[in-house]
């Protein structure tokens, strides 16, 4: 019988979610596509939902996580700030360490 521990982590700031898997996926998609609308399409969520998620991250974060690029010939866009990229890296590392810890803890159940 194969046991697994299931868990999801998120980071809150004053009861508002700063980062969780969905927000991190969105930030990574913005980084990949260079635009909030393209990021929303790639994740199959509405632009409004994407905007709300990004807005909540920006309001909870110490510094802006994205920079809006004013539209020109090719239209506008968005890119991650260095702070935004650092937040993603930190979240991914915390998540990875959490899973490693949980896998180790699962041995307590398996060994019974």
C-alpha atoms as a PDB file:
ATOM      1  CA  UNK A   1       0.000   0.000   0.000  1.00  0.00           C
ATOM      2  CA  UNK A   2       1.559   3.317  -1.063  1.00  0.00           C
ATOM      3  CA  UNK A   3       1.008   6.161   1.366  1.00  0.00           C
ATOM      4  CA  UNK A   4       1.288   9.818   0.422  1.00  0.00           C
ATOM      5  CA  UNK A   5       1.016  13.022   2.409  1.00  0.00           C
ATOM      6  CA  UNK A   6      -0.977  15.725   0.644  1.00  0.00           C
ATOM      7  CA  UNK A   7      -0.336  19.344   1.484  1.00  0.00           C
ATOM      8  CA  UNK A   8      -0.567  22.832   0.011  1.00  0.00           C
ATOM      9  CA  UNK A   9       1.240  25.791   1.399  1.00  0.00           C
ATOM     10  CA  UNK A  10       0.631  29.477   0.999  1.00  0.00           C
ATOM     11  CA  UNK A  11       2.089  32.581   2.580  1.00  0.00           C
ATOM     12  CA  UNK A  12      -0.190  35.198   4.091  1.00  0.00           C
ATOM     13  CA  UNK A  13       0.365  38.814   5.043  1.00  0.00           C
ATOM     14  CA  UNK A  14      -2.208  40.361   7.378  1.00  0.00           C
ATOM     15  CA  UNK A  15      -4.766  37.654   6.454  1.00  0.00           C
ATOM     16  CA  UNK A  16      -4.302  38.255   2.720  1.00  0.00           C
ATOM     17  CA  UNK A  17      -2.666  35.567   0.618  1.00  0.00           C
ATOM     18  CA  UNK A  18       0.682  36.803  -0.656  1.00  0.00           C
ATOM     19  CA  UNK A  19       1.769  33.652  -2.451  1.00  0.00           C
ATOM     20  CA  UNK A  20       0.370  30.228  -3.152  1.00  0.00           C
ATOM     21  CA  UNK A  21       0.628  27.796  -6.044  1.00  0.00           C
ATOM     22  CA  UNK A  22      -1.908  29.644  -8.210  1.00  0.00           C
ATOM     23  CA  UNK A  23      -0.283  33.031  -7.736  1.00  0.00           C
ATOM     24  CA  UNK A  24       3.179  31.597  -8.377  1.00  0.00           C
ATOM     25  CA  UNK A  25       1.932  29.912 -11.592  1.00  0.00           C
ATOM     26  CA  UNK A  26       0.546  33.282 -12.689  1.00  0.00           C
ATOM     27  CA  UNK A  27       3.800  35.132 -11.948  1.00  0.00           C
ATOM     28  CA  UNK A  28       5.789  32.478 -13.840  1.00  0.00           C
ATOM     29  CA  UNK A  29       3.374  32.752 -16.784  1.00  0.00           C
ATOM     30  CA  UNK A  30       3.779  36.554 -16.819  1.00  0.00           C
ATOM     31  CA  UNK A  31       7.545  36.043 -16.824  1.00  0.00           C
ATOM     32  CA  UNK A  32       7.255  33.569 -19.724  1.00  0.00           C
ATOM     33  CA  UNK A  33       4.758  35.513 -21.848  1.00  0.00           C
ATOM     34  CA  UNK A  34       5.564  39.140 -21.014  1.00  0.00           C
ATOM     35  CA  UNK A  35       1.892  39.998 -20.541  1.00  0.00           C
ATOM     36  CA  UNK A  36      -0.898  39.514 -18.023  1.00  0.00           C
ATOM     37  CA  UNK A  37      -3.482  38.758 -20.726  1.00  0.00           C
ATOM     38  CA  UNK A  38      -1.250  36.127 -22.385  1.00  0.00           C
ATOM     39  CA  UNK A  39      -0.451  34.659 -18.967  1.00  0.00           C
ATOM     40  CA  UNK A  40      -4.175  34.409 -18.176  1.00  0.00           C
ATOM     41  CA  UNK A  41      -4.840  32.674 -21.513  1.00  0.00           C
ATOM     42  CA  UNK A  42      -1.996  30.202 -20.966  1.00  0.00           C
ATOM     43  CA  UNK A  43      -3.438  29.285 -17.550  1.00  0.00           C
ATOM     44  CA  UNK A  44      -7.010  29.194 -18.895  1.00  0.00           C
ATOM     45  CA  UNK A  45      -8.272  31.785 -16.431  1.00  0.00           C
ATOM     46  CA  UNK A  46     -10.080  35.031 -17.176  1.00  0.00           C
ATOM     47  CA  UNK A  47      -8.131  38.259 -17.448  1.00  0.00           C
ATOM     48  CA  UNK A  48     -10.224  39.636 -14.572  1.00  0.00           C
ATOM     49  CA  UNK A  49      -9.285  36.698 -12.311  1.00  0.00           C
ATOM     50  CA  UNK A  50      -5.608  37.055 -13.270  1.00  0.00           C
ATOM     51  CA  UNK A  51      -5.723  40.790 -12.596  1.00  0.00           C
ATOM     52  CA  UNK A  52      -7.332  40.208  -9.176  1.00  0.00           C
ATOM     53  CA  UNK A  53      -4.684  37.625  -8.233  1.00  0.00           C
ATOM     54  CA  UNK A  54      -1.849  39.882  -9.338  1.00  0.00           C
ATOM     55  CA  UNK A  55      -3.397  42.887  -7.592  1.00  0.00           C
ATOM     56  CA  UNK A  56      -3.684  40.936  -4.321  1.00  0.00           C
ATOM     57  CA  UNK A  57      -0.013  39.885  -4.572  1.00  0.00           C
ATOM     58  CA  UNK A  58       1.092  43.447  -5.244  1.00  0.00           C
ATOM     59  CA  UNK A  59      -0.985  44.749  -2.303  1.00  0.00           C
ATOM     60  CA  UNK A  60       0.428  42.117   0.089  1.00  0.00           C
ATOM     61  CA  UNK A  61       4.050  42.297  -1.065  1.00  0.00           C
ATOM     62  CA  UNK A  62       6.623  44.707   0.366  1.00  0.00           C
ATOM     63  CA  UNK A  63       7.472  45.928  -3.131  1.00  0.00           C
ATOM     64  CA  UNK A  64       5.834  45.630  -6.586  1.00  0.00           C
ATOM     65  CA  UNK A  65       6.242  42.201  -8.189  1.00  0.00           C
ATOM     66  CA  UNK A  66       5.519  43.375 -11.740  1.00  0.00           C
ATOM     67  CA  UNK A  67       6.183  46.404 -13.909  1.00  0.00           C
ATOM     68  CA  UNK A  68       3.610  47.429 -16.505  1.00  0.00           C
ATOM     69  CA  UNK A  69       5.027  48.288 -19.895  1.00  0.00           C
ATOM     70  CA  UNK A  70       3.125  51.045 -21.691  1.00  0.00           C
ATOM     71  CA  UNK A  71       1.680  49.932 -25.008  1.00  0.00           C
ATOM     72  CA  UNK A  72       3.398  50.913 -28.206  1.00  0.00           C
ATOM     73  CA  UNK A  73       3.369  49.361 -31.638  1.00  0.00           C
ATOM     74  CA  UNK A  74       3.326  45.832 -30.194  1.00  0.00           C
ATOM     75  CA  UNK A  75       0.954  46.678 -27.353  1.00  0.00           C
ATOM     76  CA  UNK A  76       1.701  46.851 -23.650  1.00  0.00           C
ATOM     77  CA  UNK A  77       2.884  44.125 -21.384  1.00  0.00           C
ATOM     78  CA  UNK A  78       4.083  43.188 -17.937  1.00  0.00           C
ATOM     79  CA  UNK A  79       7.320  41.875 -16.581  1.00  0.00           C
ATOM     80  CA  UNK A  80       8.457  40.673 -13.194  1.00  0.00           C
ATOM     81  CA  UNK A  81      10.612  42.859 -11.019  1.00  0.00           C
ATOM     82  CA  UNK A  82      13.753  41.381  -9.467  1.00  0.00           C
ATOM     83  CA  UNK A  83      11.782  41.268  -6.213  1.00  0.00           C
ATOM     84  CA  UNK A  84       9.003  39.297  -7.949  1.00  0.00           C
ATOM     85  CA  UNK A  85      11.540  36.799  -9.316  1.00  0.00           C
ATOM     86  CA  UNK A  86      13.110  36.464  -5.856  1.00  0.00           C
ATOM     87  CA  UNK A  87       9.696  35.764  -4.303  1.00  0.00           C
ATOM     88  CA  UNK A  88       9.084  32.927  -6.785  1.00  0.00           C
ATOM     89  CA  UNK A  89      12.498  31.386  -6.094  1.00  0.00           C
ATOM     90  CA  UNK A  90      11.952  31.605  -2.333  1.00  0.00           C
ATOM     91  CA  UNK A  91       8.454  30.086  -2.573  1.00  0.00           C
ATOM     92  CA  UNK A  92       9.690  27.225  -4.777  1.00  0.00           C
ATOM     93  CA  UNK A  93      12.495  26.484  -2.319  1.00  0.00           C
ATOM     94  CA  UNK A  94      10.139  26.565   0.679  1.00  0.00           C
ATOM     95  CA  UNK A  95       7.715  24.277  -1.173  1.00  0.00           C
ATOM     96  CA  UNK A  96      10.475  21.821  -2.108  1.00  0.00           C
ATOM     97  CA  UNK A  97      11.806  21.763   1.468  1.00  0.00           C
ATOM     98  CA  UNK A  98       8.270  21.249   2.780  1.00  0.00           C
ATOM     99  CA  UNK A  99       7.753  18.202   0.531  1.00  0.00           C
ATOM    100  CA  UNK A 100      11.133  16.778   1.547  1.00  0.00           C
ATOM    101  CA  UNK A 101      10.226  17.191   5.225  1.00  0.00           C
ATOM    102  CA  UNK A 102       6.779  15.610   4.703  1.00  0.00           C
ATOM    103  CA  UNK A 103       8.295  12.645   2.839  1.00  0.00           C
ATOM    104  CA  UNK A 104      10.645  12.084   5.776  1.00  0.00           C
ATOM    105  CA  UNK A 105       7.744  12.324   8.232  1.00  0.00           C
ATOM    106  CA  UNK A 106       5.720   9.806   6.214  1.00  0.00           C
ATOM    107  CA  UNK A 107       8.300   7.151   7.133  1.00  0.00           C
ATOM    108  CA  UNK A 108       6.792   7.275  10.661  1.00  0.00           C
ATOM    109  CA  UNK A 109       3.499   5.945   9.253  1.00  0.00           C
ATOM    110  CA  UNK A 110       5.108   3.475   6.842  1.00  0.00           C
ATOM    111  CA  UNK A 111       7.203   1.939   9.617  1.00  0.00           C
ATOM    112  CA  UNK A 112       4.222   1.107  11.864  1.00  0.00           C
END
